[in-house]
Structure formats: structure tokens, C-alpha cells
Amino acid sequence: KAGDSVLISGTMITGRDAAHKRLYELIEKGEELPVNLSGEV
């Protein structure tokens, strides 16, 4: 719920503007992504 405090454990990926732009461009072209986003944080 909005406002909940959490402590997260496990694995997550990272990314900022430049990586997002590259991923988006691959999606737009219908090409495979270098990482599987399904289920990711």
C-alpha cells in the first residue's frame, strides 16, 4: 500500500536515462533486449 515502509532483499537491475533510451529503441524496433524485464525491479 502507498506509504508502506519496506526492506527489500534479493536481486534487482539498475538503469538510468541512457540505458532506458537504448532499451526503448530496441522495443520500438521489435528487437531482443539484452536483459529479460519480466518480473524485474
Full PDB file with SEQRES, HELIX, SHEET, SSBOND, CRYST1, ORIGX, SCALE, CONECT and MASTER records, all heavy atoms in Angstrom:
SEQRES   1 A   41  LYS ALA GLY ASP SER VAL LEU ILE SER GLY THR MET ILE          
SEQRES   2 A   41  THR GLY ARG ASP ALA ALA HIS LYS ARG LEU TYR GLU LEU          
SEQRES   3 A   41  ILE GLU LYS GLY GLU GLU LEU PRO VAL ASN LEU SER GLY          
SEQRES   4 A   41  GLU VAL                                                      
HELIX    1 AA1 ASP A   17  LYS A   29  1                                  13    
CRYST1    1.000    1.000    1.000  90.00  90.00  90.00 P 1           1          
ORIGX1      1.000000  0.000000  0.000000        0.00000                         
ORIGX2      0.000000  1.000000  0.000000        0.00000                         
ORIGX3      0.000000  0.000000  1.000000        0.00000                         
SCALE1      1.000000  0.000000  0.000000        0.00000                         
SCALE2      0.000000  1.000000  0.000000        0.00000                         
SCALE3      0.000000  0.000000  1.000000        0.00000                         
ATOM      1  N   LYS A   1       0.841  -1.199   0.000  1.00  0.00           N  
ATOM      2  CA  LYS A   1       0.000   0.000   0.000  1.00  0.00           C  
ATOM      3  C   LYS A   1       0.872   1.243   0.000  1.00  0.00           C  
ATOM      4  O   LYS A   1       1.933   1.268   0.621  1.00  0.00           O  
ATOM      5  CB  LYS A   1      -0.906   0.027   1.236  1.00  0.00           C  
ATOM      6  CG  LYS A   1      -1.752  -1.217   1.434  1.00  0.00           C  
ATOM      7  CD  LYS A   1      -2.811  -1.356   0.382  1.00  0.00           C  
ATOM      8  CE  LYS A   1      -3.669  -2.576   0.620  1.00  0.00           C  
ATOM      9  NZ  LYS A   1      -3.702  -3.493  -0.506  1.00  0.00           N  
ATOM     10  N   ALA A   2       0.405   2.281  -0.676  1.00  0.00           N  
ATOM     11  CA  ALA A   2       1.120   3.554  -0.697  1.00  0.00           C  
ATOM     12  C   ALA A   2       1.412   3.983   0.734  1.00  0.00           C  
ATOM     13  O   ALA A   2       0.527   3.963   1.591  1.00  0.00           O  
ATOM     14  CB  ALA A   2       0.303   4.611  -1.421  1.00  0.00           C  
ATOM     15  N   GLY A   3       2.666   4.327   0.995  1.00  0.00           N  
ATOM     16  CA  GLY A   3       3.096   4.745   2.317  1.00  0.00           C  
ATOM     17  C   GLY A   3       3.774   3.660   3.126  1.00  0.00           C  
ATOM     18  O   GLY A   3       4.414   3.957   4.137  1.00  0.00           O  
ATOM     19  N   ASP A   4       3.655   2.391   2.704  1.00  0.00           N  
ATOM     20  CA  ASP A   4       4.328   1.306   3.421  1.00  0.00           C  
ATOM     21  C   ASP A   4       5.839   1.480   3.373  1.00  0.00           C  
ATOM     22  O   ASP A   4       6.406   1.794   2.322  1.00  0.00           O  
ATOM     23  CB  ASP A   4       4.011  -0.067   2.798  1.00  0.00           C  
ATOM     24  CG  ASP A   4       2.611  -0.576   3.077  1.00  0.00           C  
ATOM     25  OD1 ASP A   4       1.913   0.008   3.937  1.00  0.00           O  
ATOM     26  OD2 ASP A   4       2.216  -1.572   2.428  1.00  0.00           O  
ATOM     27  N   SER A   5       6.494   1.248   4.502  1.00  0.00           N  
ATOM     28  CA  SER A   5       7.957   1.178   4.555  1.00  0.00           C  
ATOM     29  C   SER A   5       8.352  -0.267   4.296  1.00  0.00           C  
ATOM     30  O   SER A   5       7.733  -1.188   4.853  1.00  0.00           O  
ATOM     31  CB  SER A   5       8.474   1.600   5.930  1.00  0.00           C  
ATOM     32  OG  SER A   5       8.227   2.962   6.137  1.00  0.00           O  
ATOM     33  N   VAL A   6       9.373  -0.459   3.461  1.00  0.00           N  
ATOM     34  CA  VAL A   6       9.797  -1.815   3.113  1.00  0.00           C  
ATOM     35  C   VAL A   6      11.311  -1.950   3.211  1.00  0.00           C  
ATOM     36  O   VAL A   6      12.055  -0.969   3.088  1.00  0.00           O  
ATOM     37  CB  VAL A   6       9.339  -2.221   1.691  1.00  0.00           C  
ATOM     38  CG1 VAL A   6       7.823  -2.259   1.588  1.00  0.00           C  
ATOM     39  CG2 VAL A   6       9.921  -1.303   0.632  1.00  0.00           C  
ATOM     40  N   LEU A   7      11.749  -3.168   3.440  1.00  0.00           N  
ATOM     41  CA  LEU A   7      13.147  -3.564   3.335  1.00  0.00           C  
ATOM     42  C   LEU A   7      13.182  -4.657   2.278  1.00  0.00           C  
ATOM     43  O   LEU A   7      12.526  -5.688   2.432  1.00  0.00           O  
ATOM     44  CB  LEU A   7      13.681  -4.069   4.675  1.00  0.00           C  
ATOM     45  CG  LEU A   7      13.787  -3.022   5.779  1.00  0.00           C  
ATOM     46  CD1 LEU A   7      14.159  -3.678   7.118  1.00  0.00           C  
ATOM     47  CD2 LEU A   7      14.804  -1.941   5.405  1.00  0.00           C  
ATOM     48  N   ILE A   8      13.907  -4.401   1.207  1.00  0.00           N  
ATOM     49  CA  ILE A   8      13.912  -5.284   0.042  1.00  0.00           C  
ATOM     50  C   ILE A   8      15.191  -6.107   0.028  1.00  0.00           C  
ATOM     51  O   ILE A   8      16.293  -5.565   0.161  1.00  0.00           O  
ATOM     52  CB  ILE A   8      13.807  -4.458  -1.258  1.00  0.00           C  
ATOM     53  CG1 ILE A   8      12.555  -3.569  -1.230  1.00  0.00           C  
ATOM     54  CG2 ILE A   8      13.819  -5.373  -2.475  1.00  0.00           C  
ATOM     55  CD1 ILE A   8      12.513  -2.506  -2.334  1.00  0.00           C  
ATOM     56  N   SER A   9      15.052  -7.427  -0.170  1.00  0.00           N  
ATOM     57  CA  SER A   9      16.205  -8.318  -0.304  1.00  0.00           C  
ATOM     58  C   SER A   9      16.028  -9.155  -1.569  1.00  0.00           C  
ATOM     59  O   SER A   9      14.908  -9.492  -1.948  1.00  0.00           O  
ATOM     60  CB  SER A   9      16.333  -9.232   0.915  1.00  0.00           C  
ATOM     61  OG  SER A   9      16.595  -8.474   2.081  1.00  0.00           O  
ATOM     62  N   GLY A  10      17.142  -9.458  -2.217  1.00  0.00           N  
ATOM     63  CA  GLY A  10      17.113 -10.247  -3.443  1.00  0.00           C  
ATOM     64  C   GLY A  10      17.958  -9.575  -4.508  1.00  0.00           C  
ATOM     65  O   GLY A  10      18.919  -8.870  -4.201  1.00  0.00           O  
ATOM     66  N   THR A  11      17.586  -9.786  -5.774  1.00  0.00           N  
ATOM     67  CA  THR A  11      18.339  -9.153  -6.853  1.00  0.00           C  
ATOM     68  C   THR A  11      17.439  -8.229  -7.655  1.00  0.00           C  
ATOM     69  O   THR A  11      16.247  -8.498  -7.828  1.00  0.00           O  
ATOM     70  CB  THR A  11      18.996 -10.180  -7.804  1.00  0.00           C  
ATOM     71  OG1 THR A  11      17.988 -10.916  -8.480  1.00  0.00           O  
ATOM     72  CG2 THR A  11      19.932 -11.112  -7.050  1.00  0.00           C  
ATOM     73  N   MET A  12      18.044  -7.130  -8.114  1.00  0.00           N  
ATOM     74  CA  MET A  12      17.351  -6.149  -8.943  1.00  0.00           C  
ATOM     75  C   MET A  12      18.322  -5.663 -10.004  1.00  0.00           C  
ATOM     76  O   MET A  12      19.534  -5.822  -9.859  1.00  0.00           O  
ATOM     77  CB  MET A  12      16.853  -4.970  -8.102  1.00  0.00           C  
ATOM     78  CG  MET A  12      17.972  -4.182  -7.436  1.00  0.00           C  
ATOM     79  SD  MET A  12      17.420  -2.748  -6.464  1.00  0.00           S  
ATOM     80  CE  MET A  12      16.618  -3.508  -5.080  1.00  0.00           C  
ATOM     81  N   ILE A  13      17.778  -5.078 -11.064  1.00  0.00           N  
ATOM     82  CA  ILE A  13      18.637  -4.491 -12.075  1.00  0.00           C  
ATOM     83  C   ILE A  13      18.664  -2.976 -11.878  1.00  0.00           C  
ATOM     84  O   ILE A  13      17.852  -2.424 -11.138  1.00  0.00           O  
ATOM     85  CB  ILE A  13      18.197  -4.861 -13.509  1.00  0.00           C  
ATOM     86  CG1 ILE A  13      16.786  -4.360 -13.826  1.00  0.00           C  
ATOM     87  CG2 ILE A  13      18.307  -6.369 -13.720  1.00  0.00           C  
ATOM     88  CD1 ILE A  13      16.373  -4.557 -15.288  1.00  0.00           C  
ATOM     89  N   THR A  14      19.618  -2.330 -12.538  1.00  0.00           N  
ATOM     90  CA  THR A  14      19.723  -0.882 -12.464  1.00  0.00           C  
ATOM     91  C   THR A  14      19.653  -0.307 -13.864  1.00  0.00           C  
ATOM     92  O   THR A  14      19.880  -1.003 -14.856  1.00  0.00           O  
ATOM     93  CB  THR A  14      21.046  -0.437 -11.814  1.00  0.00           C  
ATOM     94  OG1 THR A  14      22.127  -0.715 -12.705  1.00  0.00           O  
ATOM     95  CG2 THR A  14      21.264  -1.123 -10.476  1.00  0.00           C  
ATOM     96  N   GLY A  15      19.359   0.966 -13.950  1.00  0.00           N  
ATOM     97  CA  GLY A  15      19.358   1.646 -15.238  1.00  0.00           C  
ATOM     98  C   GLY A  15      18.907   3.080 -15.074  1.00  0.00           C  
ATOM     99  O   GLY A  15      18.078   3.373 -14.216  1.00  0.00           O  
ATOM    100  N   ARG A  16      19.510   3.938 -15.885  1.00  0.00           N  
ATOM    101  CA  ARG A  16      19.127   5.346 -15.898  1.00  0.00           C  
ATOM    102  C   ARG A  16      18.764   5.741 -17.320  1.00  0.00           C  
ATOM    103  O   ARG A  16      18.499   4.910 -18.168  1.00  0.00           O  
ATOM    104  CB  ARG A  16      20.273   6.199 -15.344  1.00  0.00           C  
ATOM    105  CG  ARG A  16      20.397   6.102 -13.847  1.00  0.00           C  
ATOM    106  CD  ARG A  16      21.493   6.918 -13.257  1.00  0.00           C  
ATOM    107  NE  ARG A  16      21.797   8.150 -13.960  1.00  0.00           N  
ATOM    108  CZ  ARG A  16      22.447   9.163 -13.449  1.00  0.00           C  
ATOM    109  NH1 ARG A  16      22.873   9.105 -12.203  1.00  0.00           N  
ATOM    110  NH2 ARG A  16      22.719  10.241 -14.150  1.00  0.00           N  
ATOM    111  N   ASP A  17      18.762   7.024 -17.578  1.00  0.00           N  
ATOM    112  CA  ASP A  17      18.293   7.589 -18.844  1.00  0.00           C  
ATOM    113  C   ASP A  17      18.859   6.905 -20.087  1.00  0.00           C  
ATOM    114  O   ASP A  17      18.111   6.479 -20.969  1.00  0.00           O  
ATOM    115  CB  ASP A  17      18.655   9.080 -18.952  1.00  0.00           C  
ATOM    116  CG  ASP A  17      18.483   9.867 -17.688  1.00  0.00           C  
ATOM    117  OD1 ASP A  17      18.870   9.374 -16.610  1.00  0.00           O  
ATOM    118  OD2 ASP A  17      17.973  10.980 -17.780  1.00  0.00           O  
ATOM    119  N   ALA A  18      20.181   6.842 -20.174  1.00  0.00           N  
ATOM    120  CA  ALA A  18      20.814   6.319 -21.396  1.00  0.00           C  
ATOM    121  C   ALA A  18      20.455   4.857 -21.627  1.00  0.00           C  
ATOM    122  O   ALA A  18      20.145   4.462 -22.756  1.00  0.00           O  
ATOM    123  CB  ALA A  18      22.329   6.498 -21.321  1.00  0.00           C  
ATOM    124  N   ALA A  19      20.457   4.052 -20.571  1.00  0.00           N  
ATOM    125  CA  ALA A  19      20.090   2.643 -20.706  1.00  0.00           C  
ATOM    126  C   ALA A  19      18.615   2.511 -21.079  1.00  0.00           C  
ATOM    127  O   ALA A  19      18.248   1.689 -21.934  1.00  0.00           O  
ATOM    128  CB  ALA A  19      20.383   1.889 -19.413  1.00  0.00           C  
ATOM    129  N   HIS A  20      17.756   3.315 -20.457  1.00  0.00           N  
ATOM    130  CA  HIS A  20      16.331   3.284 -20.789  1.00  0.00           C  
ATOM    131  C   HIS A  20      16.101   3.634 -22.258  1.00  0.00           C  
ATOM    132  O   HIS A  20      15.282   3.002 -22.936  1.00  0.00           O  
ATOM    133  CB  HIS A  20      15.548   4.251 -19.893  1.00  0.00           C  
ATOM    134  CG  HIS A  20      15.144   3.651 -18.594  1.00  0.00           C  
ATOM    135  ND1 HIS A  20      16.040   3.358 -17.601  1.00  0.00           N  
ATOM    136  CD2 HIS A  20      13.922   3.279 -18.133  1.00  0.00           C  
ATOM    137  CE1 HIS A  20      15.393   2.836 -16.573  1.00  0.00           C  
ATOM    138  NE2 HIS A  20      14.105   2.782 -16.873  1.00  0.00           N  
ATOM    139  N   LYS A  21      16.810   4.625 -22.735  1.00  0.00           N  
ATOM    140  CA  LYS A  21      16.652   5.033 -24.130  1.00  0.00           C  
ATOM    141  C   LYS A  21      17.022   3.882 -25.059  1.00  0.00           C  
ATOM    142  O   LYS A  21      16.302   3.598 -26.021  1.00  0.00           O  
ATOM    143  CB  LYS A  21      17.524   6.256 -24.426  1.00  0.00           C  
ATOM    144  CG  LYS A  21      17.379   6.793 -25.831  1.00  0.00           C  
ATOM    145  CD  LYS A  21      18.178   8.090 -26.003  1.00  0.00           C  
ATOM    146  CE  LYS A  21      17.845   8.753 -27.314  1.00  0.00           C  
ATOM    147  NZ  LYS A  21      18.774   8.455 -28.368  1.00  0.00           N  
ATOM    148  N   ARG A  22      18.114   3.204 -24.768  1.00  0.00           N  
ATOM    149  CA  ARG A  22      18.527   2.074 -25.611  1.00  0.00           C  
ATOM    150  C   ARG A  22      17.518   0.934 -25.558  1.00  0.00           C  
ATOM    151  O   ARG A  22      17.198   0.343 -26.594  1.00  0.00           O  
ATOM    152  CB  ARG A  22      19.904   1.574 -25.185  1.00  0.00           C  
ATOM    153  CG  ARG A  22      21.017   2.522 -25.570  1.00  0.00           C  
ATOM    154  CD  ARG A  22      22.352   1.912 -25.262  1.00  0.00           C  
ATOM    155  NE  ARG A  22      23.430   2.852 -25.522  1.00  0.00           N  
ATOM    156  CZ  ARG A  22      24.713   2.568 -25.336  1.00  0.00           C  
ATOM    157  NH1 ARG A  22      25.070   1.371 -24.895  1.00  0.00           N  
ATOM    158  NH2 ARG A  22      25.632   3.477 -25.582  1.00  0.00           N  
ATOM    159  N   LEU A  23      17.025   0.616 -24.371  1.00  0.00           N  
ATOM    160  CA  LEU A  23      16.019  -0.440 -24.252  1.00  0.00           C  
ATOM    161  C   LEU A  23      14.761  -0.069 -25.029  1.00  0.00           C  
ATOM    162  O   LEU A  23      14.199  -0.895 -25.765  1.00  0.00           O  
ATOM    163  CB  LEU A  23      15.683  -0.687 -22.776  1.00  0.00           C  
ATOM    164  CG  LEU A  23      16.783  -1.286 -21.908  1.00  0.00           C  
ATOM    165  CD1 LEU A  23      16.363  -1.277 -20.439  1.00  0.00           C  
ATOM    166  CD2 LEU A  23      17.146  -2.688 -22.365  1.00  0.00           C  
ATOM    167  N   TYR A  24      14.326   1.163 -24.874  1.00  0.00           N  
ATOM    168  CA  TYR A  24      13.127   1.649 -25.564  1.00  0.00           C  
ATOM    169  C   TYR A  24      13.288   1.544 -27.083  1.00  0.00           C  
ATOM    170  O   TYR A  24      12.370   1.105 -27.779  1.00  0.00           O  
ATOM    171  CB  TYR A  24      12.855   3.095 -25.138  1.00  0.00           C  
ATOM    172  CG  TYR A  24      11.647   3.713 -25.780  1.00  0.00           C  
ATOM    173  CD1 TYR A  24      10.371   3.450 -25.287  1.00  0.00           C  
ATOM    174  CD2 TYR A  24      11.771   4.562 -26.868  1.00  0.00           C  
ATOM    175  CE1 TYR A  24       9.251   4.033 -25.867  1.00  0.00           C  
ATOM    176  CE2 TYR A  24      10.655   5.146 -27.455  1.00  0.00           C  
ATOM    177  CZ  TYR A  24       9.401   4.874 -26.954  1.00  0.00           C  
ATOM    178  OH  TYR A  24       8.304   5.437 -27.540  1.00  0.00           O  
ATOM    179  N   GLU A  25      14.451   1.948 -27.581  1.00  0.00           N  
ATOM    180  CA  GLU A  25      14.691   1.887 -29.033  1.00  0.00           C  
ATOM    181  C   GLU A  25      14.647   0.451 -29.540  1.00  0.00           C  
ATOM    182  O   GLU A  25      14.111   0.183 -30.629  1.00  0.00           O  
ATOM    183  CB  GLU A  25      16.027   2.549 -29.373  1.00  0.00           C  
ATOM    184  CG  GLU A  25      15.976   4.062 -29.224  1.00  0.00           C  
ATOM    185  CD  GLU A  25      17.333   4.750 -29.319  1.00  0.00           C  
ATOM    186  OE1 GLU A  25      18.386   4.061 -29.289  1.00  0.00           O  
ATOM    187  OE2 GLU A  25      17.337   5.997 -29.420  1.00  0.00           O  
ATOM    188  N   LEU A  26      15.170  -0.496 -28.761  1.00  0.00           N  
ATOM    189  CA  LEU A  26      15.092  -1.912 -29.150  1.00  0.00           C  
ATOM    190  C   LEU A  26      13.640  -2.394 -29.156  1.00  0.00           C  
ATOM    191  O   LEU A  26      13.237  -3.127 -30.064  1.00  0.00           O  
ATOM    192  CB  LEU A  26      15.940  -2.771 -28.209  1.00  0.00           C  
ATOM    193  CG  LEU A  26      17.451  -2.616 -28.336  1.00  0.00           C  
ATOM    194  CD1 LEU A  26      18.156  -3.411 -27.241  1.00  0.00           C  
ATOM    195  CD2 LEU A  26      17.936  -3.046 -29.717  1.00  0.00           C  
ATOM    196  N   ILE A  27      12.868  -1.987 -28.156  1.00  0.00           N  
ATOM    197  CA  ILE A  27      11.446  -2.362 -28.103  1.00  0.00           C  
ATOM    198  C   ILE A  27      10.718  -1.812 -29.332  1.00  0.00           C  
ATOM    199  O   ILE A  27       9.943  -2.520 -29.974  1.00  0.00           O  
ATOM    200  CB  ILE A  27      10.788  -1.863 -26.795  1.00  0.00           C  
ATOM    201  CG1 ILE A  27      11.343  -2.630 -25.597  1.00  0.00           C  
ATOM    202  CG2 ILE A  27       9.265  -1.998 -26.858  1.00  0.00           C  
ATOM    203  CD1 ILE A  27      10.972  -2.042 -24.237  1.00  0.00           C  
ATOM    204  N   GLU A  28      10.975  -0.548 -29.654  1.00  0.00           N  
ATOM    205  CA  GLU A  28      10.334   0.089 -30.809  1.00  0.00           C  
ATOM    206  C   GLU A  28      10.662  -0.641 -32.117  1.00  0.00           C  
ATOM    207  O   GLU A  28       9.834  -0.709 -33.010  1.00  0.00           O  
ATOM    208  CB  GLU A  28      10.760   1.556 -30.912  1.00  0.00           C  
ATOM    209  CG  GLU A  28      10.169   2.442 -29.825  1.00  0.00           C  
ATOM    210  CD  GLU A  28       8.673   2.601 -29.969  1.00  0.00           C  
ATOM    211  OE1 GLU A  28       8.228   3.210 -30.960  1.00  0.00           O  
ATOM    212  OE2 GLU A  28       7.938   2.123 -29.081  1.00  0.00           O  
ATOM    213  N   LYS A  29      11.869  -1.181 -32.216  1.00  0.00           N  
ATOM    214  CA  LYS A  29      12.296  -1.918 -33.421  1.00  0.00           C  
ATOM    215  C   LYS A  29      11.859  -3.373 -33.387  1.00  0.00           C  
ATOM    216  O   LYS A  29      12.069  -4.096 -34.355  1.00  0.00           O  
ATOM    217  CB  LYS A  29      13.825  -1.876 -33.546  1.00  0.00           C  
ATOM    218  CG  LYS A  29      14.390  -0.499 -33.818  1.00  0.00           C  
ATOM    219  CD  LYS A  29      15.919  -0.603 -33.860  1.00  0.00           C  
ATOM    220  CE  LYS A  29      16.582   0.743 -33.908  1.00  0.00           C  
ATOM    221  NZ  LYS A  29      18.045   0.648 -33.777  1.00  0.00           N  
ATOM    222  N   GLY A  30      11.306  -3.819 -32.265  1.00  0.00           N  
ATOM    223  CA  GLY A  30      10.904  -5.206 -32.123  1.00  0.00           C  
ATOM    224  C   GLY A  30      12.077  -6.157 -31.932  1.00  0.00           C  
ATOM    225  O   GLY A  30      11.956  -7.357 -32.177  1.00  0.00           O  
ATOM    226  N   GLU A  31      13.196  -5.620 -31.465  1.00  0.00           N  
ATOM    227  CA  GLU A  31      14.396  -6.430 -31.281  1.00  0.00           C  
ATOM    228  C   GLU A  31      14.491  -6.955 -29.847  1.00  0.00           C  
ATOM    229  O   GLU A  31      13.837  -6.459 -28.936  1.00  0.00           O  
ATOM    230  CB  GLU A  31      15.646  -5.611 -31.632  1.00  0.00           C  
ATOM    231  CG  GLU A  31      15.690  -5.225 -33.102  1.00  0.00           C  
ATOM    232  CD  GLU A  31      16.919  -4.397 -33.469  1.00  0.00           C  
ATOM    233  OE1 GLU A  31      17.868  -4.331 -32.662  1.00  0.00           O  
ATOM    234  OE2 GLU A  31      16.911  -3.818 -34.575  1.00  0.00           O  
ATOM    235  N   GLU A  32      15.320  -7.972 -29.668  1.00  0.00           N  
ATOM    236  CA  GLU A  32      15.505  -8.595 -28.361  1.00  0.00           C  
ATOM    237  C   GLU A  32      16.276  -7.661 -27.427  1.00  0.00           C  
ATOM    238  O   GLU A  32      17.214  -6.987 -27.843  1.00  0.00           O  
ATOM    239  CB  GLU A  32      16.266  -9.911 -28.516  1.00  0.00           C  
ATOM    240  CG  GLU A  32      16.304 -10.729 -27.257  1.00  0.00           C  
ATOM    241  CD  GLU A  32      16.897 -12.115 -27.484  1.00  0.00           C  
ATOM    242  OE1 GLU A  32      16.772 -12.650 -28.592  1.00  0.00           O  
ATOM    243  OE2 GLU A  32      17.499 -12.630 -26.526  1.00  0.00           O  
ATOM    244  N   LEU A  33      15.868  -7.657 -26.170  1.00  0.00           N  
ATOM    245  CA  LEU A  33      16.537  -6.833 -25.163  1.00  0.00           C  
ATOM    246  C   LEU A  33      17.727  -7.590 -24.573  1.00  0.00           C  
ATOM    247  O   LEU A  33      17.704  -8.819 -24.510  1.00  0.00           O  
ATOM    248  CB  LEU A  33      15.564  -6.467 -24.040  1.00  0.00           C  
ATOM    249  CG  LEU A  33      14.317  -5.678 -24.458  1.00  0.00           C  
ATOM    250  CD1 LEU A  33      13.439  -5.410 -23.241  1.00  0.00           C  
ATOM    251  CD2 LEU A  33      14.701  -4.379 -25.128  1.00  0.00           C  
ATOM    252  N   PRO A  34      18.755  -6.878 -24.103  1.00  0.00           N  
ATOM    253  CA  PRO A  34      19.910  -7.547 -23.501  1.00  0.00           C  
ATOM    254  C   PRO A  34      19.627  -8.108 -22.103  1.00  0.00           C  
ATOM    255  O   PRO A  34      20.439  -8.853 -21.556  1.00  0.00           O  
ATOM    256  CB  PRO A  34      20.970  -6.447 -23.447  1.00  0.00           C  
ATOM    257  CG  PRO A  34      20.186  -5.180 -23.354  1.00  0.00           C  
ATOM    258  CD  PRO A  34      18.939  -5.423 -24.172  1.00  0.00           C  
ATOM    259  N   VAL A  35      18.494  -7.735 -21.519  1.00  0.00           N  
ATOM    260  CA  VAL A  35      18.057  -8.256 -20.222  1.00  0.00           C  
ATOM    261  C   VAL A  35      16.575  -8.596 -20.319  1.00  0.00           C  
ATOM    262  O   VAL A  35      15.828  -7.942 -21.035  1.00  0.00           O  
ATOM    263  CB  VAL A  35      18.286  -7.245 -19.064  1.00  0.00           C  
ATOM    264  CG1 VAL A  35      19.761  -7.014 -18.815  1.00  0.00           C  
ATOM    265  CG2 VAL A  35      17.577  -5.934 -19.321  1.00  0.00           C  
ATOM    266  N   ASN A  36      16.173  -9.632 -19.608  1.00  0.00           N  
ATOM    267  CA  ASN A  36      14.764 -10.005 -19.557  1.00  0.00           C  
ATOM    268  C   ASN A  36      14.099  -9.169 -18.464  1.00  0.00           C  
ATOM    269  O   ASN A  36      14.455  -9.285 -17.290  1.00  0.00           O  
ATOM    270  CB  ASN A  36      14.630 -11.498 -19.261  1.00  0.00           C  
ATOM    271  CG  ASN A  36      13.202 -11.962 -19.211  1.00  0.00           C  
ATOM    272  OD1 ASN A  36      12.264 -11.182 -19.383  1.00  0.00           O  
ATOM    273  ND2 ASN A  36      13.010 -13.244 -18.985  1.00  0.00           N  
ATOM    274  N   LEU A  37      13.156  -8.322 -18.831  1.00  0.00           N  
ATOM    275  CA  LEU A  37      12.496  -7.433 -17.872  1.00  0.00           C  
ATOM    276  C   LEU A  37      11.368  -8.105 -17.097  1.00  0.00           C  
ATOM    277  O   LEU A  37      10.906  -7.576 -16.091  1.00  0.00           O  
ATOM    278  CB  LEU A  37      11.952  -6.194 -18.592  1.00  0.00           C  
ATOM    279  CG  LEU A  37      12.994  -5.285 -19.236  1.00  0.00           C  
ATOM    280  CD1 LEU A  37      12.308  -4.140 -19.969  1.00  0.00           C  
ATOM    281  CD2 LEU A  37      13.983  -4.767 -18.211  1.00  0.00           C  
ATOM    282  N   SER A  38      10.936  -9.262 -17.549  1.00  0.00           N  
ATOM    283  CA  SER A  38       9.798  -9.927 -16.925  1.00  0.00           C  
ATOM    284  C   SER A  38      10.067 -10.235 -15.455  1.00  0.00           C  
ATOM    285  O   SER A  38      11.015 -10.937 -15.106  1.00  0.00           O  
ATOM    286  CB  SER A  38       9.480 -11.218 -17.683  1.00  0.00           C  
ATOM    287  OG  SER A  38       8.321 -11.807 -17.153  1.00  0.00           O  
ATOM    288  N   GLY A  39       9.250  -9.648 -14.594  1.00  0.00           N  
ATOM    289  CA  GLY A  39       9.354  -9.874 -13.164  1.00  0.00           C  
ATOM    290  C   GLY A  39      10.428  -9.062 -12.459  1.00  0.00           C  
ATOM    291  O   GLY A  39      10.615  -9.208 -11.249  1.00  0.00           O  
ATOM    292  N   GLU A  40      11.128  -8.200 -13.182  1.00  0.00           N  
ATOM    293  CA  GLU A  40      12.252  -7.452 -12.611  1.00  0.00           C  
ATOM    294  C   GLU A  40      11.820  -6.203 -11.853  1.00  0.00           C  
ATOM    295  O   GLU A  40      10.766  -5.633 -12.091  1.00  0.00           O  
ATOM    296  CB  GLU A  40      13.226  -7.013 -13.711  1.00  0.00           C  
ATOM    297  CG  GLU A  40      14.105  -8.110 -14.230  1.00  0.00           C  
ATOM    298  CD  GLU A  40      15.189  -8.565 -13.258  1.00  0.00           C  
ATOM    299  OE1 GLU A  40      15.370  -7.955 -12.178  1.00  0.00           O  
ATOM    300  OE2 GLU A  40      15.863  -9.544 -13.587  1.00  0.00           O  
ATOM    301  N   VAL A  41      12.721  -5.785 -10.971  1.00  0.00           N  
ATOM    302  CA  VAL A  41      12.674  -4.489 -10.301  1.00  0.00           C  
ATOM    303  C   VAL A  41      13.868  -3.725 -10.828  1.00  0.00           C  
ATOM    304  O   VAL A  41      14.972  -4.272 -10.909  1.00  0.00           O  
ATOM    305  CB  VAL A  41      12.794  -4.651  -8.765  1.00  0.00           C  
ATOM    306  CG1 VAL A  41      12.933  -3.300  -8.089  1.00  0.00           C  
ATOM    307  CG2 VAL A  41      11.607  -5.418  -8.216  1.00  0.00           C  
TER     308      VAL A  41                                                      
MASTER        0    0    0    1    0    0    0    6  307    1    0    4          
END                                                                             
